[in-house]
Amino acid sequence: MTTQSSSVGTAERSPTGRPVTEVAVGVLVHRDGRYLLAQRPPGKPYEGYWEFPGGKLEPGETVEAALSRELHEELGITLTACHRWHTLEHDYPHAYVRLHFCKVTDWTGEPHGREGQAFSWQRLPVEVAPLLPAAIPVLELLAAE
């Protein structure tokens, strides 16, 4: 897997004074140009909304290590190639998040919802809705490429 070895800082505060939650997010790029979106499961904030898969970093964990762990836990795949692509901060009512988006271009295994979540391979413009607010600018960046 292509990686950068630096981990992300901890205990940082947002401009609003709230703690920053560091999140690794995977933009899985299928060979045919589609992107994988997952639906947030019941019981989570924004349940039913569509997003790129990923999850929170653990203390001392790199973005790439967190993404690899999360995608294995959520989708049953093993990353073999990814690179950091874009960082975005978003102030949700439940958390202030710093989202580290990585383009994932190669993996082993076939994605399946290990936590009961739905997922869908989508072309731009995507047809699933509603979209998690922080996913919208990322889709716009992908469309501009």
C-alpha atoms as a PDB file:
ATOM      1  CA  MET A   1       0.000   0.000   0.000  1.00  0.00           C
ATOM      2  CA  THR A   2       1.252   3.509  -0.786  1.00  0.00           C
ATOM      3  CA  THR A   3       1.385   5.462   2.476  1.00  0.00           C
ATOM      4  CA  GLN A   4       2.610   8.532   4.250  1.00  0.00           C
ATOM      5  CA  SER A   5       3.983   7.656   7.671  1.00  0.00           C
ATOM      6  CA  SER A   6       3.000  10.665   9.747  1.00  0.00           C
ATOM      7  CA  SER A   7       0.157  10.323  12.208  1.00  0.00           C
ATOM      8  CA  VAL A   8      -2.381  13.045  12.815  1.00  0.00           C
ATOM      9  CA  GLY A   9      -2.303  15.309  15.863  1.00  0.00           C
ATOM     10  CA  THR A  10      -4.546  14.663  18.846  1.00  0.00           C
ATOM     11  CA  ALA A  11      -6.406  16.831  21.364  1.00  0.00           C
ATOM     12  CA  GLU A  12      -6.632  19.713  18.899  1.00  0.00           C
ATOM     13  CA  ARG A  13      -9.432  22.276  19.156  1.00  0.00           C
ATOM     14  CA  SER A  14     -11.524  23.586  16.252  1.00  0.00           C
ATOM     15  CA  PRO A  15     -11.995  27.310  15.532  1.00  0.00           C
ATOM     16  CA  THR A  16     -15.242  27.025  17.527  1.00  0.00           C
ATOM     17  CA  GLY A  17     -13.394  25.568  20.525  1.00  0.00           C
ATOM     18  CA  ARG A  18     -14.837  22.080  20.077  1.00  0.00           C
ATOM     19  CA  PRO A  19     -12.533  19.046  19.959  1.00  0.00           C
ATOM     20  CA  VAL A  20     -11.476  17.983  16.452  1.00  0.00           C
ATOM     21  CA  THR A  21     -12.392  14.409  15.540  1.00  0.00           C
ATOM     22  CA  GLU A  22      -9.896  13.044  13.006  1.00  0.00           C
ATOM     23  CA  VAL A  23     -11.470  10.754  10.402  1.00  0.00           C
ATOM     24  CA  ALA A  24      -9.942   8.674   7.587  1.00  0.00           C
ATOM     25  CA  VAL A  25     -12.201   8.420   4.539  1.00  0.00           C
ATOM     26  CA  GLY A  26     -11.825   6.221   1.480  1.00  0.00           C
ATOM     27  CA  VAL A  27     -12.785   7.300  -2.008  1.00  0.00           C
ATOM     28  CA  LEU A  28     -12.786   3.844  -3.593  1.00  0.00           C
ATOM     29  CA  VAL A  29     -12.309   4.198  -7.335  1.00  0.00           C
ATOM     30  CA  HIS A  30     -13.530   1.189  -9.324  1.00  0.00           C
ATOM     31  CA  ARG A  31     -11.631   0.377 -12.529  1.00  0.00           C
ATOM     32  CA  ASP A  32     -14.684   1.494 -14.528  1.00  0.00           C
ATOM     33  CA  GLY A  33     -14.712   4.949 -12.875  1.00  0.00           C
ATOM     34  CA  ARG A  34     -17.474   4.421 -10.322  1.00  0.00           C
ATOM     35  CA  TYR A  35     -17.137   5.435  -6.648  1.00  0.00           C
ATOM     36  CA  LEU A  36     -18.328   3.504  -3.604  1.00  0.00           C
ATOM     37  CA  LEU A  37     -20.793   5.211  -1.277  1.00  0.00           C
ATOM     38  CA  ALA A  38     -22.123   3.675   1.948  1.00  0.00           C
ATOM     39  CA  GLN A  39     -25.350   4.431   3.791  1.00  0.00           C
ATOM     40  CA  ARG A  40     -25.080   5.339   7.474  1.00  0.00           C
ATOM     41  CA  PRO A  41     -26.747   2.657   9.599  1.00  0.00           C
ATOM     42  CA  PRO A  42     -29.619   3.147  12.055  1.00  0.00           C
ATOM     43  CA  GLY A  43     -28.622   4.619  15.404  1.00  0.00           C
ATOM     44  CA  LYS A  44     -25.815   6.819  14.055  1.00  0.00           C
ATOM     45  CA  PRO A  45     -26.096  10.582  13.518  1.00  0.00           C
ATOM     46  CA  TYR A  46     -27.443  11.247  10.016  1.00  0.00           C
ATOM     47  CA  GLU A  47     -28.703   7.671   9.712  1.00  0.00           C
ATOM     48  CA  GLY A  48     -29.755   6.830   6.171  1.00  0.00           C
ATOM     49  CA  TYR A  49     -27.464   9.461   4.624  1.00  0.00           C
ATOM     50  CA  TRP A  50     -24.895   8.393   2.022  1.00  0.00           C
ATOM     51  CA  GLU A  51     -21.162   8.981   2.505  1.00  0.00           C
ATOM     52  CA  PHE A  52     -17.740   7.704   1.560  1.00  0.00           C
ATOM     53  CA  PRO A  53     -16.713   4.857   3.919  1.00  0.00           C
ATOM     54  CA  GLY A  54     -14.182   5.315   6.706  1.00  0.00           C
ATOM     55  CA  GLY A  55     -13.916   6.034  10.392  1.00  0.00           C
ATOM     56  CA  LYS A  56     -12.190   7.720  13.307  1.00  0.00           C
ATOM     57  CA  LEU A  57      -8.462   7.520  13.890  1.00  0.00           C
ATOM     58  CA  GLU A  58      -7.261   5.855  17.070  1.00  0.00           C
ATOM     59  CA  PRO A  59      -4.520   7.623  19.102  1.00  0.00           C
ATOM     60  CA  GLY A  60      -1.157   7.470  17.288  1.00  0.00           C
ATOM     61  CA  GLU A  61      -2.670   5.858  14.205  1.00  0.00           C
ATOM     62  CA  THR A  62      -1.843   7.148  10.719  1.00  0.00           C
ATOM     63  CA  VAL A  63      -4.621   8.088   8.312  1.00  0.00           C
ATOM     64  CA  GLU A  64      -3.701   5.170   6.074  1.00  0.00           C
ATOM     65  CA  ALA A  65      -3.623   2.657   8.943  1.00  0.00           C
ATOM     66  CA  ALA A  66      -7.013   3.866  10.198  1.00  0.00           C
ATOM     67  CA  LEU A  67      -8.485   3.681   6.720  1.00  0.00           C
ATOM     68  CA  SER A  68      -7.130   0.185   6.176  1.00  0.00           C
ATOM     69  CA  ARG A  69      -8.574  -0.958   9.528  1.00  0.00           C
ATOM     70  CA  GLU A  70     -11.959   0.695   8.975  1.00  0.00           C
ATOM     71  CA  LEU A  71     -12.438  -0.595   5.433  1.00  0.00           C
ATOM     72  CA  HIS A  72     -11.562  -4.109   6.551  1.00  0.00           C
ATOM     73  CA  GLU A  73     -14.012  -3.858   9.488  1.00  0.00           C
ATOM     74  CA  GLU A  74     -16.831  -2.258   7.463  1.00  0.00           C
ATOM     75  CA  LEU A  75     -16.425  -3.778   3.987  1.00  0.00           C
ATOM     76  CA  GLY A  76     -14.168  -6.827   4.392  1.00  0.00           C
ATOM     77  CA  ILE A  77     -11.540  -5.552   1.953  1.00  0.00           C
ATOM     78  CA  THR A  78      -7.771  -5.182   2.296  1.00  0.00           C
ATOM     79  CA  LEU A  79      -6.189  -2.000   0.910  1.00  0.00           C
ATOM     80  CA  THR A  80      -3.226  -2.423  -1.391  1.00  0.00           C
ATOM     81  CA  ALA A  81      -2.951   1.106  -2.898  1.00  0.00           C
ATOM     82  CA  CYS A  82      -4.155   4.464  -1.618  1.00  0.00           C
ATOM     83  CA  HIS A  83      -2.902   8.029  -1.352  1.00  0.00           C
ATOM     84  CA  ARG A  84      -3.983  11.079   0.602  1.00  0.00           C
ATOM     85  CA  TRP A  85      -5.973  13.316  -1.660  1.00  0.00           C
ATOM     86  CA  HIS A  86      -7.949  16.055   0.129  1.00  0.00           C
ATOM     87  CA  THR A  87      -8.614  17.261   3.685  1.00  0.00           C
ATOM     88  CA  LEU A  88     -11.883  18.893   4.640  1.00  0.00           C
ATOM     89  CA  GLU A  89     -13.211  20.177   7.954  1.00  0.00           C
ATOM     90  CA  HIS A  90     -16.921  20.187   8.738  1.00  0.00           C
ATOM     91  CA  ASP A  91     -18.808  21.375  11.817  1.00  0.00           C
ATOM     92  CA  TYR A  92     -21.696  18.956  12.360  1.00  0.00           C
ATOM     93  CA  PRO A  93     -24.117  19.413  15.282  1.00  0.00           C
ATOM     94  CA  HIS A  94     -22.765  16.216  16.899  1.00  0.00           C
ATOM     95  CA  ALA A  95     -19.018  16.714  16.159  1.00  0.00           C
ATOM     96  CA  TYR A  96     -16.406  18.905  14.513  1.00  0.00           C
ATOM     97  CA  VAL A  97     -14.571  16.605  12.091  1.00  0.00           C
ATOM     98  CA  ARG A  98     -11.406  16.804  10.030  1.00  0.00           C
ATOM     99  CA  LEU A  99     -11.879  14.392   7.149  1.00  0.00           C
ATOM    100  CA  HIS A 100      -8.747  13.010   5.510  1.00  0.00           C
ATOM    101  CA  PHE A 101      -9.903  11.746   2.108  1.00  0.00           C
ATOM    102  CA  CYS A 102      -7.716   9.125   0.450  1.00  0.00           C
ATOM    103  CA  LYS A 103      -8.173   7.820  -3.053  1.00  0.00           C
ATOM    104  CA  VAL A 104      -8.197   4.040  -2.912  1.00  0.00           C
ATOM    105  CA  THR A 105      -7.241   2.589  -6.270  1.00  0.00           C
ATOM    106  CA  ASP A 106      -6.543  -1.041  -5.419  1.00  0.00           C
ATOM    107  CA  TRP A 107      -7.721  -3.574  -2.839  1.00  0.00           C
ATOM    108  CA  THR A 108      -8.279  -7.278  -2.425  1.00  0.00           C
ATOM    109  CA  GLY A 109     -11.637  -8.821  -1.671  1.00  0.00           C
ATOM    110  CA  GLU A 110     -15.121  -7.854  -2.792  1.00  0.00           C
ATOM    111  CA  PRO A 111     -16.766  -5.109  -0.690  1.00  0.00           C
ATOM    112  CA  HIS A 112     -19.758  -6.232   1.356  1.00  0.00           C
ATOM    113  CA  GLY A 113     -21.570  -4.548   4.257  1.00  0.00           C
ATOM    114  CA  ARG A 114     -20.137  -6.281   7.325  1.00  0.00           C
ATOM    115  CA  GLU A 115     -22.050  -3.959   9.676  1.00  0.00           C
ATOM    116  CA  GLY A 116     -25.387  -4.265   7.910  1.00  0.00           C
ATOM    117  CA  GLN A 117     -24.949  -1.025   5.959  1.00  0.00           C
ATOM    118  CA  ALA A 118     -26.049  -0.624   2.363  1.00  0.00           C
ATOM    119  CA  PHE A 119     -23.515   0.505  -0.222  1.00  0.00           C
ATOM    120  CA  SER A 120     -23.663   1.434  -3.881  1.00  0.00           C
ATOM    121  CA  TRP A 121     -21.180   1.947  -6.720  1.00  0.00           C
ATOM    122  CA  GLN A 122     -22.073   5.309  -8.280  1.00  0.00           C
ATOM    123  CA  ARG A 123     -21.110   7.343 -11.322  1.00  0.00           C
ATOM    124  CA  LEU A 124     -21.138  11.141 -11.261  1.00  0.00           C
ATOM    125  CA  PRO A 125     -23.573  12.696 -10.736  1.00  0.00           C
ATOM    126  CA  VAL A 126     -24.583  10.214  -8.032  1.00  0.00           C
ATOM    127  CA  GLU A 127     -28.138   8.939  -7.864  1.00  0.00           C
ATOM    128  CA  VAL A 128     -28.342   8.137  -4.136  1.00  0.00           C
ATOM    129  CA  ALA A 129     -29.769  10.595  -1.608  1.00  0.00           C
ATOM    130  CA  PRO A 130     -29.627  12.178   0.852  1.00  0.00           C
ATOM    131  CA  LEU A 131     -25.900  12.844   0.892  1.00  0.00           C
ATOM    132  CA  LEU A 132     -23.961  13.601   4.047  1.00  0.00           C
ATOM    133  CA  PRO A 133     -23.139  17.354   3.883  1.00  0.00           C
ATOM    134  CA  ALA A 134     -19.348  16.833   3.872  1.00  0.00           C
ATOM    135  CA  ALA A 135     -19.628  14.412   0.924  1.00  0.00           C
ATOM    136  CA  ILE A 136     -21.053  17.075  -1.398  1.00  0.00           C
ATOM    137  CA  PRO A 137     -17.870  19.184  -1.862  1.00  0.00           C
ATOM    138  CA  VAL A 138     -15.852  15.989  -2.396  1.00  0.00           C
ATOM    139  CA  LEU A 139     -18.201  14.870  -5.161  1.00  0.00           C
ATOM    140  CA  GLU A 140     -17.838  18.341  -6.699  1.00  0.00           C
ATOM    141  CA  LEU A 141     -14.019  17.984  -6.619  1.00  0.00           C
ATOM    142  CA  LEU A 142     -14.269  14.571  -8.282  1.00  0.00           C
ATOM    143  CA  ALA A 143     -16.550  15.985 -10.986  1.00  0.00           C
ATOM    144  CA  ALA A 144     -14.040  18.777 -11.695  1.00  0.00           C
ATOM    145  CA  GLU A 145     -11.152  16.339 -12.298  1.00  0.00           C
END
